[in-house]
Protein backbone atom coordinates (compact mmCIF):
# COMPACT_ATOMS: atom_id res chain seq x y z
CA MET A 1 91.01 59.26 6.74
CA THR A 2 87.65 60.60 7.78
CA ALA A 3 85.43 61.82 5.02
CA GLU A 4 84.40 65.28 4.96
CA ARG A 5 80.90 66.50 4.47
CA LEU A 6 80.56 68.37 1.20
CA SER A 7 78.58 71.33 2.62
CA PRO A 8 77.20 72.06 5.76
CA GLY A 9 73.64 71.42 4.94
CA ASP A 10 74.01 68.46 2.83
CA PRO A 11 76.84 65.75 2.74
CA ASN A 12 76.17 64.87 -0.54
CA SER A 13 76.22 68.33 -2.63
CA PHE A 14 78.91 70.79 -3.21
CA SER A 15 76.00 73.68 -3.45
CA ARG A 16 75.46 76.31 -1.01
CA PRO A 17 71.95 77.50 -1.38
CA ASP A 18 72.40 79.17 1.97
CA GLU A 19 74.86 81.76 0.24
CA VAL A 20 73.57 81.79 -3.36
CA LYS A 21 70.25 79.98 -4.33
CA VAL A 22 68.53 79.06 -7.70
CA THR A 23 64.97 79.62 -7.79
CA HIS A 24 63.86 78.73 -11.29
CA MET A 25 65.57 76.92 -14.31
CA ASP A 26 64.85 77.66 -17.90
CA LEU A 27 66.02 74.47 -19.79
CA VAL A 28 66.47 74.62 -23.50
CA LEU A 29 67.82 71.15 -24.81
CA ASP A 30 68.24 68.87 -27.93
CA VAL A 31 67.84 65.32 -27.68
CA SER A 32 70.31 63.24 -29.93
CA PHE A 33 69.70 59.54 -29.88
CA ASP A 34 72.85 59.13 -32.41
CA ALA A 35 75.08 60.82 -29.79
CA LYS A 36 73.30 59.87 -26.79
CA THR A 37 73.36 63.48 -25.52
CA LEU A 38 71.24 66.34 -24.33
CA SER A 39 72.79 69.67 -25.30
CA GLY A 40 71.74 73.36 -24.94
CA HIS A 41 71.73 75.55 -22.08
CA VAL A 42 70.08 76.24 -18.88
CA VAL A 43 69.15 79.78 -17.60
CA LEU A 44 69.32 79.73 -14.01
CA SER A 45 67.69 82.58 -11.86
CA VAL A 46 69.59 83.12 -8.75
CA GLU A 47 69.11 84.89 -5.48
CA LYS A 48 71.95 85.90 -2.98
CA VAL A 49 70.99 84.80 0.23
CA ASN A 50 74.28 86.26 1.59
CA VAL A 51 74.52 89.87 -0.11
CA GLU A 52 78.16 89.50 0.26
CA ALA A 53 78.25 86.28 -1.66
CA ASN A 54 79.93 86.46 -5.08
CA VAL A 55 79.92 82.82 -6.08
CA LEU A 56 77.23 80.61 -7.44
CA ILE A 57 78.31 76.67 -6.59
CA LEU A 58 76.60 74.18 -8.43
CA ASP A 59 76.76 70.35 -8.79
CA SER A 60 77.74 68.76 -11.95
CA ARG A 61 78.96 65.31 -13.11
CA ASP A 62 80.17 64.36 -16.45
CA LEU A 63 78.98 67.44 -18.09
CA THR A 64 80.70 69.44 -20.85
CA VAL A 65 80.47 73.00 -20.01
CA SER A 66 81.33 75.27 -23.07
CA MET A 67 80.19 78.63 -21.86
CA VAL A 68 78.68 80.65 -18.65
CA GLN A 69 77.17 84.11 -19.37
CA ASP A 70 74.99 86.72 -17.68
CA PHE A 71 71.81 86.23 -19.44
CA ASP A 72 70.92 89.57 -19.73
CA THR A 73 74.14 91.26 -20.69
CA LYS A 74 75.50 88.37 -22.46
CA GLN A 75 78.80 88.99 -20.73
CA SER A 76 81.08 85.88 -20.35
CA LEU A 77 81.42 84.96 -16.62
CA LYS A 78 84.38 83.23 -15.18
CA TYR A 79 84.11 79.75 -13.78
CA GLU A 80 85.92 76.88 -12.46
CA LEU A 81 84.93 73.21 -12.90
CA ALA A 82 86.61 71.07 -10.42
CA SER A 83 88.41 67.64 -10.91
CA SER A 84 86.21 64.68 -10.66
CA SER A 85 84.95 63.19 -7.59
CA THR A 86 83.68 59.50 -8.59
CA THR A 87 80.96 59.76 -5.98
CA PHE A 88 79.63 63.09 -5.98
CA GLY A 89 80.83 64.34 -9.68
CA GLU A 90 82.45 67.96 -9.78
CA LYS A 91 82.08 71.30 -8.20
CA LEU A 92 81.04 74.13 -10.49
CA GLU A 93 81.79 77.73 -9.39
CA ILE A 94 80.38 80.57 -11.15
CA HIS A 95 81.69 84.09 -10.43
CA LEU A 96 78.68 86.27 -10.40
CA PRO A 97 78.66 89.74 -12.34
CA ASP A 98 79.79 92.47 -10.43
CA SER A 99 76.62 94.69 -10.31
CA PRO A 100 74.02 96.00 -7.94
CA ASN A 101 71.55 93.10 -9.28
CA PHE A 102 71.05 90.74 -6.48
CA LYS A 103 68.85 88.41 -8.72
CA PRO A 104 70.85 87.88 -11.63
CA LYS A 105 70.07 85.12 -14.37
CA ILE A 106 73.22 83.06 -15.42
CA SER A 107 73.17 80.94 -18.60
CA VAL A 108 75.30 77.77 -18.75
CA HIS A 109 76.08 75.92 -22.03
CA TYR A 110 76.75 72.48 -21.62
CA THR A 111 76.12 69.07 -23.13
CA THR A 112 75.77 65.83 -21.11
CA SER A 113 77.68 62.59 -21.43
CA PRO A 114 76.48 59.42 -23.18
CA LYS A 115 77.33 57.93 -19.87
CA SER A 116 74.98 60.14 -17.65
CA THR A 117 73.95 58.49 -14.69
CA ALA A 118 70.60 60.25 -14.91
CA LEU A 119 69.69 58.98 -18.34
CA GLN A 120 69.04 55.58 -19.91
CA TRP A 121 69.18 55.50 -23.77
CA LEU A 122 67.52 52.28 -25.12
CA CYS A 123 67.88 51.11 -28.70
CA PRO A 124 64.68 50.13 -30.36
CA GLU A 125 65.22 46.42 -29.63
CA GLN A 126 64.88 47.09 -26.28
CA THR A 127 61.49 48.58 -26.50
CA LEU A 128 58.21 46.57 -26.92
CA GLY A 129 57.54 48.13 -30.41
CA LYS A 130 61.15 47.65 -31.50
CA LYS A 131 60.88 50.33 -33.99
CA HIS A 132 61.74 53.73 -32.12
CA PRO A 133 64.51 54.46 -29.60
CA PHE A 134 63.62 55.39 -26.10
CA LEU A 135 65.04 57.70 -23.35
CA PHE A 136 64.10 58.26 -19.87
CA SER A 137 65.62 59.70 -16.66
CA GLN A 138 66.09 58.92 -13.16
CA CYS A 139 67.56 61.63 -11.08
CA GLN A 140 66.79 60.61 -7.61
CA ALA A 141 68.93 60.77 -5.26
CA ILE A 142 71.90 62.70 -6.68
CA HIS A 143 71.86 62.12 -10.49
CA CYS A 144 70.35 65.26 -11.62
CA ARG A 145 73.92 66.61 -11.81
CA SER A 146 74.45 64.70 -14.73
CA LEU A 147 71.44 65.79 -16.71
CA VAL A 148 71.98 69.75 -15.70
CA PRO A 149 74.40 71.70 -13.80
CA CYS A 150 72.08 72.59 -10.72
CA GLN A 151 71.95 72.69 -7.12
CA ASP A 152 71.31 69.30 -6.67
CA THR A 153 70.27 69.04 -3.02
CA PRO A 154 66.63 68.48 -1.94
CA SER A 155 67.38 71.50 0.53
CA ASN A 156 66.61 73.77 -2.18
CA LYS A 157 63.48 73.96 -4.59
CA VAL A 158 62.86 75.51 -7.59
CA THR A 159 60.36 76.21 -10.43
CA TYR A 160 61.16 75.35 -14.15
CA GLU A 161 60.20 75.61 -17.90
CA ALA A 162 61.68 73.65 -20.57
CA LYS A 163 61.84 73.72 -24.50
CA ILE A 164 62.78 70.25 -25.60
CA THR A 165 63.80 69.48 -29.44
CA ALA A 166 63.21 65.57 -30.42
CA PRO A 167 62.45 63.61 -33.19
CA HIS A 168 59.40 64.52 -34.89
CA ASP A 169 57.85 61.10 -34.47
CA LEU A 170 58.40 60.68 -30.71
CA THR A 171 56.74 62.02 -27.78
CA VAL A 172 58.32 64.15 -25.11
CA LEU A 173 56.89 64.30 -21.55
CA MET A 174 58.63 66.02 -18.36
CA SER A 175 57.68 66.14 -14.61
CA ALA A 176 55.47 69.48 -15.65
CA ILE A 177 52.33 70.55 -17.36
CA ARG A 178 52.63 70.36 -21.28
CA GLN A 179 52.24 73.81 -22.99
CA GLY A 180 50.46 73.66 -26.04
CA GLU A 181 50.92 71.35 -29.09
CA PRO A 182 54.58 70.60 -30.19
CA VAL A 183 55.62 73.03 -32.97
CA LYS A 184 57.50 71.32 -36.28
CA ASN A 185 61.23 72.20 -36.67
CA ASP A 186 62.62 70.53 -39.58
CA ASP A 187 62.70 66.80 -39.05
CA LYS A 188 62.10 67.47 -35.23
CA LYS A 189 59.49 68.99 -32.73
CA ILE A 190 59.70 71.45 -30.26
CA HIS A 191 58.03 70.43 -26.87
CA LYS A 192 57.13 72.99 -24.14
CA PHE A 193 56.96 72.53 -20.44
CA HIS A 194 56.01 74.55 -17.02
CA GLN A 195 56.27 73.40 -13.54
CA PRO A 196 54.91 76.52 -11.64
CA VAL A 197 55.31 74.27 -8.11
CA LEU A 198 58.70 74.41 -6.32
CA ILE A 199 60.49 71.15 -6.70
CA PRO A 200 63.73 69.83 -5.54
CA SER A 201 66.20 68.67 -8.45
CA TYR A 202 65.67 65.15 -8.12
CA LEU A 203 62.10 65.49 -9.13
CA LEU A 204 63.14 66.80 -12.64
CA ALA A 205 62.20 64.11 -15.25
CA ILE A 206 62.20 63.71 -18.97
CA VAL A 207 61.05 60.68 -21.38
CA VAL A 208 61.39 60.45 -25.07
CA GLY A 209 59.64 57.60 -27.06
CA ASP A 210 56.91 56.25 -29.17
CA LEU A 211 53.99 56.97 -26.36
CA GLU A 212 50.34 57.03 -26.68
CA SER A 213 48.04 57.92 -23.84
CA ARG A 214 44.43 57.04 -22.66
CA GLN A 215 42.30 59.10 -20.09
CA ILE A 216 41.62 57.04 -16.90
CA GLY A 217 40.20 60.01 -14.81
CA PRO A 218 39.29 63.28 -14.90
CA ARG A 219 42.80 64.56 -14.00
CA SER A 220 44.75 61.44 -14.98
CA HIS A 221 46.09 59.68 -18.52
CA VAL A 222 48.21 56.74 -18.47
CA TRP A 223 50.94 56.70 -21.01
CA SER A 224 52.85 53.79 -22.40
CA GLU A 225 54.03 52.16 -25.44
CA PRO A 226 50.97 51.49 -27.76
CA ALA A 227 51.16 47.54 -27.24
CA LEU A 228 50.85 48.00 -23.66
CA LEU A 229 48.08 50.74 -23.34
CA ASP A 230 45.09 48.59 -23.07
CA LYS A 231 46.65 46.57 -20.21
CA ALA A 232 47.96 49.59 -18.54
CA ALA A 233 44.56 51.40 -18.56
CA TYR A 234 42.90 48.43 -17.26
CA GLU A 235 45.65 48.01 -14.29
CA PHE A 236 45.25 51.67 -13.18
CA ALA A 237 41.67 52.42 -13.63
CA GLU A 238 41.33 52.80 -9.97
CA THR A 239 43.54 55.99 -9.86
CA GLU A 240 41.05 58.51 -9.42
CA ALA A 241 39.68 56.76 -6.40
CA GLN A 242 43.12 56.38 -4.72
CA LEU A 243 43.75 60.01 -5.50
CA SER A 244 40.48 61.25 -3.89
CA ALA A 245 41.29 59.15 -0.79
CA ALA A 246 44.71 60.57 -0.50
CA GLU A 247 42.82 63.99 -0.65
CA ASP A 248 40.92 63.04 2.34
CA VAL A 249 44.01 62.08 4.25
CA CYS A 250 46.30 64.75 3.04
CA GLY A 251 44.73 68.08 1.63
CA PRO A 252 44.06 69.49 -1.74
CA TYR A 253 46.33 68.06 -4.55
CA VAL A 254 48.05 71.16 -6.06
CA TRP A 255 49.77 69.65 -8.98
CA GLY A 256 46.66 69.89 -11.46
CA VAL A 257 47.59 66.81 -13.64
CA TYR A 258 48.17 63.28 -12.01
CA ASP A 259 49.40 61.16 -15.28
CA LEU A 260 50.99 57.70 -15.10
CA LEU A 261 53.89 56.46 -17.72
CA VAL A 262 54.59 53.02 -17.92
CA LEU A 263 58.24 52.52 -18.71
CA PRO A 264 60.31 49.74 -20.13
CA PRO A 265 61.22 47.00 -17.84
CA SER A 266 64.77 48.49 -17.24
CA PHE A 267 63.18 51.26 -14.93
CA PRO A 268 64.88 50.50 -11.49
CA PHE A 269 62.22 51.38 -9.22
CA GLY A 270 58.58 50.30 -8.77
CA GLY A 271 57.55 54.04 -9.32
CA MET A 272 58.99 57.31 -9.04
CA GLU A 273 57.00 60.23 -8.00
CA ASN A 274 57.79 62.88 -10.64
CA PRO A 275 55.32 65.48 -10.33
CA CYS A 276 52.60 65.47 -12.81
CA LEU A 277 53.82 62.29 -14.26
CA THR A 278 54.46 59.34 -11.96
CA PHE A 279 57.00 56.78 -13.60
CA VAL A 280 56.04 53.18 -13.13
CA THR A 281 57.47 49.85 -13.95
CA PRO A 282 55.66 47.48 -16.17
CA THR A 283 56.26 44.75 -13.31
CA LEU A 284 52.78 46.36 -11.75
CA ILE A 285 50.85 45.14 -14.51
CA ALA A 286 49.78 41.48 -12.85
CA GLY A 287 46.32 41.61 -14.81
CA ASP A 288 44.35 41.67 -11.79
CA ARG A 289 45.08 45.10 -10.14
CA SER A 290 46.63 43.19 -7.39
CA LEU A 291 49.84 45.40 -7.16
CA VAL A 292 48.42 48.96 -7.61
CA ASP A 293 49.15 49.86 -3.98
CA VAL A 294 52.58 51.14 -5.58
CA ILE A 295 50.35 53.68 -7.20
CA ALA A 296 48.90 54.68 -3.81
CA HIS A 297 52.40 55.21 -2.70
CA GLU A 298 53.48 57.39 -5.58
CA ILE A 299 50.17 59.60 -5.13
CA ALA A 300 51.00 59.83 -1.35
CA HIS A 301 54.37 61.44 -2.30
CA SER A 302 52.61 64.46 -4.11
CA TRP A 303 52.31 65.55 -0.36
CA THR A 304 54.88 63.80 1.77
CA GLY A 305 58.36 64.08 -0.21
CA ASN A 306 57.09 66.60 -3.15
CA LEU A 307 55.50 69.10 -1.05
CA VAL A 308 57.23 68.58 2.37
CA THR A 309 60.63 67.30 1.29
CA ASN A 310 63.68 65.88 3.40
CA SER A 311 66.40 68.49 3.69
CA ASN A 312 68.94 65.82 2.45
CA PHE A 313 68.76 61.96 2.26
CA GLU A 314 70.26 61.40 5.73
CA HIS A 315 66.34 62.50 6.54
CA PHE A 316 64.96 60.22 3.75
CA TRP A 317 62.47 58.55 6.20
CA LEU A 318 60.42 62.03 6.21
CA ASN A 319 59.77 61.28 2.66
CA GLU A 320 59.45 57.40 2.66
CA GLY A 321 58.25 56.76 6.12
CA PHE A 322 55.64 59.19 5.94
CA THR A 323 54.74 58.11 2.22
CA VAL A 324 54.19 54.54 3.06
CA PHE A 325 52.07 55.64 6.12
CA VAL A 326 49.98 57.66 4.09
CA GLU A 327 49.91 54.74 1.41
CA ARG A 328 48.49 52.56 3.90
CA LYS A 329 45.99 55.34 5.11
CA ILE A 330 44.67 55.42 1.45
CA VAL A 331 44.41 51.75 1.44
CA GLY A 332 42.40 51.46 4.57
CA ARG A 333 39.88 54.32 3.02
CA LEU A 334 39.45 52.29 0.06
CA HIS A 335 39.12 48.72 1.54
CA GLY A 336 39.07 48.97 5.14
CA GLU A 337 41.10 49.11 8.19
CA PRO A 338 42.02 45.18 8.09
CA PHE A 339 43.76 45.95 4.98
CA ARG A 340 45.83 48.73 6.14
CA HIS A 341 46.92 46.70 9.12
CA PHE A 342 47.62 43.66 6.81
CA ALA A 343 49.82 45.92 4.68
CA ALA A 344 51.59 47.04 7.70
CA ILE A 345 52.16 43.32 8.78
CA GLY A 346 53.72 42.62 5.20
CA GLY A 347 56.10 45.57 5.54
CA LYS A 348 57.21 44.33 8.79
CA THR A 349 57.96 40.93 7.33
CA TYR A 350 60.03 42.61 4.68
CA LEU A 351 61.92 44.96 6.67
CA ALA A 352 63.17 41.87 8.85
CA ASP A 353 64.02 40.02 5.96
CA THR A 354 66.14 43.28 4.78
CA ILE A 355 67.75 44.13 8.07
CA GLU A 356 68.87 40.44 8.24
CA SER A 357 70.33 40.67 4.98
CA MET A 358 72.40 43.97 5.82
CA GLY A 359 72.98 43.04 9.34
CA ALA A 360 71.32 44.28 12.48
CA SER A 361 74.44 46.33 13.58
CA ASN A 362 74.86 47.86 10.22
CA PRO A 363 74.73 51.56 10.74
CA LEU A 364 72.78 51.99 7.22
CA THR A 365 69.81 50.28 9.21
CA SER A 366 69.19 53.28 11.21
CA LEU A 367 66.49 55.74 10.50
CA MET A 368 68.99 58.57 10.35
CA PRO A 369 72.23 57.15 8.75
CA ASP A 370 75.51 59.42 8.58
CA LEU A 371 75.72 59.66 4.79
CA THR A 372 79.10 61.74 5.02
CA GLY A 373 81.27 60.35 2.12
CA ILE A 374 78.69 57.86 1.36
CA ASP A 375 76.49 57.72 -1.95
CA PRO A 376 72.68 57.87 -1.13
CA ASP A 377 72.51 54.94 -3.71
CA ASP A 378 74.40 52.79 -1.31
CA SER A 379 72.11 53.40 1.58
CA PHE A 380 68.76 52.75 -0.10
CA SER A 381 66.83 49.73 1.13
CA THR A 382 63.03 49.21 2.89
CA VAL A 383 64.63 50.92 6.21
CA PRO A 384 63.36 54.38 5.80
CA TYR A 385 60.22 53.15 4.33
CA GLU A 386 59.23 50.42 6.86
CA LYS A 387 60.91 51.65 9.95
CA GLY A 388 59.77 55.03 9.26
CA GLN A 389 56.08 53.64 8.56
CA ALA A 390 56.61 51.55 12.12
CA PHE A 391 57.64 54.81 13.85
CA LEU A 392 54.47 56.79 12.58
CA TRP A 393 52.17 54.18 13.68
CA TYR A 394 53.56 54.15 17.29
CA LEU A 395 53.28 57.65 17.51
CA GLU A 396 49.73 57.57 16.21
CA GLU A 397 48.87 55.05 19.03
CA LEU A 398 50.91 56.99 21.59
CA VAL A 399 48.64 60.30 20.83
CA GLY A 400 45.56 58.44 20.83
CA GLY A 401 44.93 56.89 17.39
CA PRO A 402 43.88 57.84 14.13
CA GLY A 403 41.37 60.44 15.27
CA GLU A 404 43.99 62.36 16.97
CA PHE A 405 46.71 61.71 14.50
CA ASP A 406 45.01 62.43 11.33
CA PRO A 407 44.26 65.98 11.92
CA PHE A 408 47.96 66.40 12.91
CA LEU A 409 49.10 64.82 9.58
CA LYS A 410 47.01 67.36 7.62
CA SER A 411 48.23 70.21 9.83
CA TYR A 412 51.88 69.13 9.55
CA ILE A 413 51.65 68.97 5.62
CA ALA A 414 49.93 72.49 5.48
CA ASN A 415 52.66 73.84 7.78
CA PHE A 416 55.50 72.73 5.92
CA GLN A 417 54.23 72.26 2.41
CA TYR A 418 56.61 73.94 -0.43
CA ARG A 419 59.57 73.61 1.94
CA SER A 420 62.60 71.16 2.98
CA ILE A 421 62.92 70.03 6.50
CA GLU A 422 64.84 67.93 9.06
CA THR A 423 63.88 65.47 11.41
CA ASP A 424 63.98 67.96 14.30
CA ASP A 425 61.64 70.26 12.48
CA PHE A 426 58.88 67.40 12.31
CA VAL A 427 59.59 66.51 16.09
CA GLN A 428 59.25 70.12 17.59
CA TYR A 429 56.10 70.52 15.41
CA LEU A 430 54.72 67.11 16.79
CA LYS A 431 55.34 68.44 20.22
CA HIS A 432 54.14 72.00 19.69
CA TYR A 433 50.87 70.58 18.14
CA PHE A 434 50.11 68.22 21.23
CA GLN A 435 51.36 70.61 23.83
CA ASN A 436 48.20 71.16 25.41
CA THR A 437 46.81 67.70 25.33
CA ALA A 438 47.36 64.33 27.27
CA ALA A 439 49.64 62.94 24.73
CA ALA A 440 52.26 65.93 25.56
CA GLU A 441 53.57 64.03 28.63
CA LYS A 442 53.78 60.94 26.45
CA LEU A 443 55.64 62.47 24.07
CA GLU A 444 58.48 63.59 26.31
CA LYS A 445 58.99 60.03 27.31
CA VAL A 446 59.83 58.91 23.56
CA ASP A 447 63.03 57.21 23.06
CA TRP A 448 63.95 59.58 20.23
CA GLN A 449 67.73 58.70 20.21
CA THR A 450 66.86 54.76 19.88
CA TRP A 451 64.14 55.30 17.02
CA PHE A 452 66.50 57.78 14.94
CA HIS A 453 69.90 56.52 15.68
CA SER A 454 70.10 52.63 16.68
CA PRO A 455 70.67 50.30 14.17
CA GLY A 456 68.37 47.24 13.10
CA MET A 457 64.64 46.54 14.14
CA PRO A 458 62.63 48.99 15.57
CA PRO A 459 62.24 49.27 19.42
CA THR A 460 58.64 48.42 19.22
CA PHE A 461 55.80 48.03 16.77
CA ALA A 462 52.12 49.00 17.12
CA ASN A 463 49.68 46.27 17.73
CA TYR A 464 48.30 45.44 14.36
CA ASP A 465 44.96 43.63 13.49
CA ASP A 466 46.38 40.18 12.04
CA SER A 467 42.93 39.06 11.04
CA LEU A 468 44.07 38.82 7.37
CA ALA A 469 47.47 37.49 8.22
CA VAL A 470 46.21 34.35 10.20
CA PRO A 471 45.45 31.97 7.31
CA CYS A 472 49.04 32.98 5.81
CA LYS A 473 50.83 32.33 9.05
CA ALA A 474 48.53 28.92 9.40
CA LEU A 475 49.48 27.73 6.04
CA CYS A 476 53.29 28.70 6.56
CA GLN A 477 53.05 26.58 9.89
CA LEU A 478 51.73 23.46 7.89
CA TRP A 479 54.39 23.75 5.41
CA SER A 480 56.96 24.14 7.91
CA ASP A 481 55.76 21.20 10.03
CA TRP A 482 55.67 19.11 6.94
CA ASN A 483 59.21 19.88 5.89
CA ASN A 484 60.72 19.49 9.40
CA LYS A 485 58.88 16.02 9.65
CA GLY A 486 60.86 14.90 6.66
CA CYS A 487 58.06 15.27 4.01
CA PRO A 488 55.54 12.34 5.13
CA GLU A 489 52.76 11.10 2.76
CA PRO A 490 49.92 11.68 2.43
CA ILE A 491 49.87 15.53 2.48
CA SER A 492 47.02 17.48 3.67
CA MET A 493 47.95 20.63 1.46
CA SER A 494 45.98 20.90 -1.80
CA PRO A 495 45.53 23.31 -4.59
CA GLU A 496 42.39 24.90 -2.79
CA ASP A 497 44.70 26.58 -0.36
CA LEU A 498 45.74 29.31 -2.29
CA LYS A 499 42.07 29.90 -4.05
CA THR A 500 41.05 31.08 -0.53
CA LEU A 501 43.89 33.49 -0.42
CA SER A 502 44.38 36.92 -2.11
CA PRO A 503 47.56 37.81 -3.99
CA SER A 504 48.89 39.93 -1.00
CA GLN A 505 48.14 36.94 1.24
CA ILE A 506 50.08 34.62 -1.03
CA GLN A 507 52.79 37.00 -0.86
CA GLU A 508 52.96 37.07 3.03
CA PHE A 509 52.53 33.32 3.29
CA LEU A 510 55.80 32.79 1.36
CA ALA A 511 57.26 35.61 3.02
CA GLN A 512 56.67 33.98 6.37
CA LEU A 513 58.36 30.85 4.96
CA LEU A 514 61.55 33.16 4.07
CA LEU A 515 62.00 34.05 7.67
CA GLY A 516 62.43 30.44 8.61
CA PRO A 517 65.20 27.81 7.86
CA PRO A 518 65.60 26.97 4.26
CA LEU A 519 63.09 24.26 3.14
CA SER A 520 64.00 21.03 1.59
CA CYS A 521 64.25 20.32 -2.18
CA GLN A 522 61.50 17.85 -1.62
CA THR A 523 59.12 20.42 -0.02
CA ILE A 524 60.07 22.80 -2.89
CA GLU A 525 59.36 20.36 -5.34
CA LYS A 526 55.97 19.26 -3.68
CA MET A 527 54.89 23.04 -3.58
CA GLN A 528 55.59 23.50 -7.15
CA GLN A 529 53.47 20.10 -8.06
CA ILE A 530 50.56 21.43 -5.74
CA TYR A 531 50.39 25.23 -6.42
CA GLY A 532 52.21 25.65 -9.81
CA LEU A 533 54.17 28.60 -8.57
CA ASN A 534 56.63 28.56 -11.37
CA GLY A 535 54.01 29.78 -13.78
CA VAL A 536 52.83 32.78 -11.60
CA GLN A 537 52.59 36.21 -13.12
CA ASN A 538 52.44 38.23 -10.21
CA ALA A 539 56.13 39.52 -9.87
CA GLU A 540 55.84 40.07 -5.99
CA ILE A 541 54.60 36.20 -5.50
CA LYS A 542 57.41 35.15 -8.12
CA LEU A 543 60.20 36.79 -6.28
CA ARG A 544 59.47 35.42 -2.96
CA TRP A 545 59.00 31.81 -4.61
CA LEU A 546 62.24 31.98 -6.47
CA ARG A 547 64.06 33.01 -3.31
CA LEU A 548 62.58 30.18 -1.19
CA CYS A 549 63.83 27.91 -4.07
CA LEU A 550 67.29 29.28 -4.08
CA ARG A 551 67.67 29.28 -0.46
CA ALA A 552 66.64 25.52 -0.76
CA GLN A 553 69.50 25.10 -3.10
CA TYR A 554 67.05 23.66 -5.61
CA LYS A 555 69.20 23.59 -8.68
CA GLU A 556 66.11 23.58 -11.32
CA SER A 557 65.31 27.05 -10.12
CA ILE A 558 68.92 28.62 -11.30
CA PRO A 559 67.74 29.29 -14.66
CA LEU A 560 64.22 30.58 -13.55
CA ALA A 561 65.75 32.84 -11.18
CA VAL A 562 68.40 34.27 -13.76
CA GLN A 563 65.30 34.83 -16.36
CA PHE A 564 63.39 36.49 -13.88
CA ALA A 565 66.51 38.79 -12.53
CA THR A 566 67.61 39.75 -15.75
CA SER A 567 64.06 40.17 -17.74
CA GLN A 568 63.49 43.31 -15.99
CA GLY A 569 65.74 46.35 -13.92
CA ARG A 570 63.65 46.71 -10.93
CA MET A 571 66.10 46.76 -8.04
CA LYS A 572 63.78 45.23 -5.62
CA TYR A 573 63.70 41.96 -7.84
CA CYS A 574 67.04 42.06 -8.97
CA ARG A 575 69.15 42.73 -6.02
CA PRO A 576 67.87 39.80 -3.78
CA ILE A 577 67.82 37.51 -6.42
CA PHE A 578 71.37 38.29 -7.47
CA ARG A 579 72.39 38.32 -3.86
CA ASP A 580 70.79 34.81 -3.25
CA LEU A 581 72.51 33.29 -6.31
CA TYR A 582 76.01 34.63 -5.55
CA ASN A 583 75.68 33.22 -1.81
CA TRP A 584 75.17 29.77 -3.28
CA GLU A 585 78.35 28.50 -4.57
CA ASP A 586 76.98 26.33 -7.12
CA ALA A 587 74.84 29.12 -8.46
CA ARG A 588 77.75 31.95 -8.45
CA SER A 589 79.16 31.54 -11.77
CA SER A 590 75.72 31.87 -13.17
CA ALA A 591 74.79 35.06 -11.34
CA LEU A 592 78.10 36.68 -12.31
CA GLU A 593 77.80 35.71 -16.22
CA ALA A 594 74.18 36.82 -16.37
CA TYR A 595 75.02 40.12 -14.64
CA ASP A 596 78.03 40.64 -17.22
CA LYS A 597 75.39 39.98 -20.20
CA VAL A 598 72.45 42.39 -18.58
CA LYS A 599 74.65 45.07 -16.91
CA ASP A 600 74.82 47.39 -20.00
CA GLN A 601 71.02 47.21 -20.38
CA TRP A 602 70.18 48.40 -16.69
CA MET A 603 70.03 51.84 -15.91
CA TYR A 604 73.23 53.00 -13.77
CA VAL A 605 71.85 52.87 -10.40
CA CYS A 606 70.68 48.90 -10.93
CA ALA A 607 74.00 47.96 -12.63
CA TYR A 608 75.87 49.79 -9.81
CA THR A 609 74.13 48.36 -6.83
CA VAL A 610 73.79 44.81 -8.08
CA GLY A 611 77.70 44.92 -9.17
CA LYS A 612 78.53 45.69 -5.49
CA ASP A 613 76.26 43.09 -4.22
CA LEU A 614 78.12 40.59 -6.51
CA HIS A 615 81.67 42.35 -5.52
CA VAL A 616 82.55 43.26 -8.98
CA ILE A 617 82.25 47.03 -7.92
CA GLN A 618 84.18 48.10 -4.89
């Protein structure tokens, strides 16, 4: 039986903003750590796109709806909440008031489920301070529907306001501007927020916890648990320089505030580009600022993704491919073009490893996958990021280089900001922009079909400057040759090898080894003896080193790998480690046992995807 698209504009949403669209949300919610729920109501300002339409269709998942009213008249409105669809939740249909008002306000009273897929509730023991509970959200891709009844499709954008009541000794933050100081209300405080810029539902975000902040720039504070604040402030001190470089690439920053929030280790992503408040993983805190390119990525989203948004997640590369491309432009502005090129080489290596793991014929490795009947979480990979970036770099070279493409990029953002678009909108605008130039004929010859719809690696890559990659490849070759010759003594490699490489170059050296055949256990032991990689703190280096150990079937690495994969919930690290453990028969039981212990401490999306990787979730 072939799956059907839920709606014409989005295969993953029941909503129909082409009929009746929500334009603004006003949230009034109470946070209960005891019940693990948010309860209250949302007032939806709606607008009839089709004047004949009389039903507002919303997305919902595991929400208990108690009442729906016309906000102005308080008249109860008829509504139907459909039976559950495990993948996409439930359709909520609200019959609009029979009146000449084509812009009514609808009040929906509801309570979230303790199992809301958008929310993670942490007990005090799961936090750094061990004294207070903690709550944070992750709505991308389609989890906002389990936080609030909404049109949970990126094709529609709204402004929002919120009034959140929470325990008096905790701080509340959202993806919005704080409005005044919190107001005491018995043993709780009421916090107010305002987001005047249009956003898709997946950018709604909330956090409640024991948080403090420190200013790190004229428009930025970093927030974290108190014990982590010094380290966080040091690690992210270059935020304003990255933000200024991004403005040079993309145009003015329209969101006012750019704050960072360091979450507990169970946060499933490197970062999440929530407006005004980027969420980041503590795994970025390496002590030497070597992993802060992730901040450049999240800053870039302030334009590509947050201002110009994919209309649905089949066009996710418009968010992520563009953002990786801009991220590397920022790196190039700050550190020089060779570093931009080197980052792209690392991305190419990572993409090759991902596609080998997923399978080169897997339809989800195409730039524009068909997500009919498919949860976007199941399609999440580096493909839209790195394949999309490779495509944009190819186009940049095709039209004549950065001197020609950079002005186009600014023009593209200015033209489509505050809107949601499809891939064809980008293609047509690109052709229109270059129509009277020498690039026009070249663009007509681009194999769009292959780039967008063929699985596997891209049809071509740009010519990257590999000057920074040369020593990585050379050291990789030395170890490969030594391994292939049976590990003869004496050995020419020494601790000095890594001292001449940057952390990013060490990552690439190990990543290059991962692309080759598995090393022998003797080689792994010798690398540990010389380089001491078991003790490295940089999470990106540790990931690649542990994967090399597991691929070599080095038994001593099993507990180290399990400890690393369960000490945090970042999918980029958990998934490949657990897959490697599962694929090695001797380590499989350790993987399954570790997953069973840790899954309830992870956020839904991590527990779900790792569970599928381990074949315990179908």
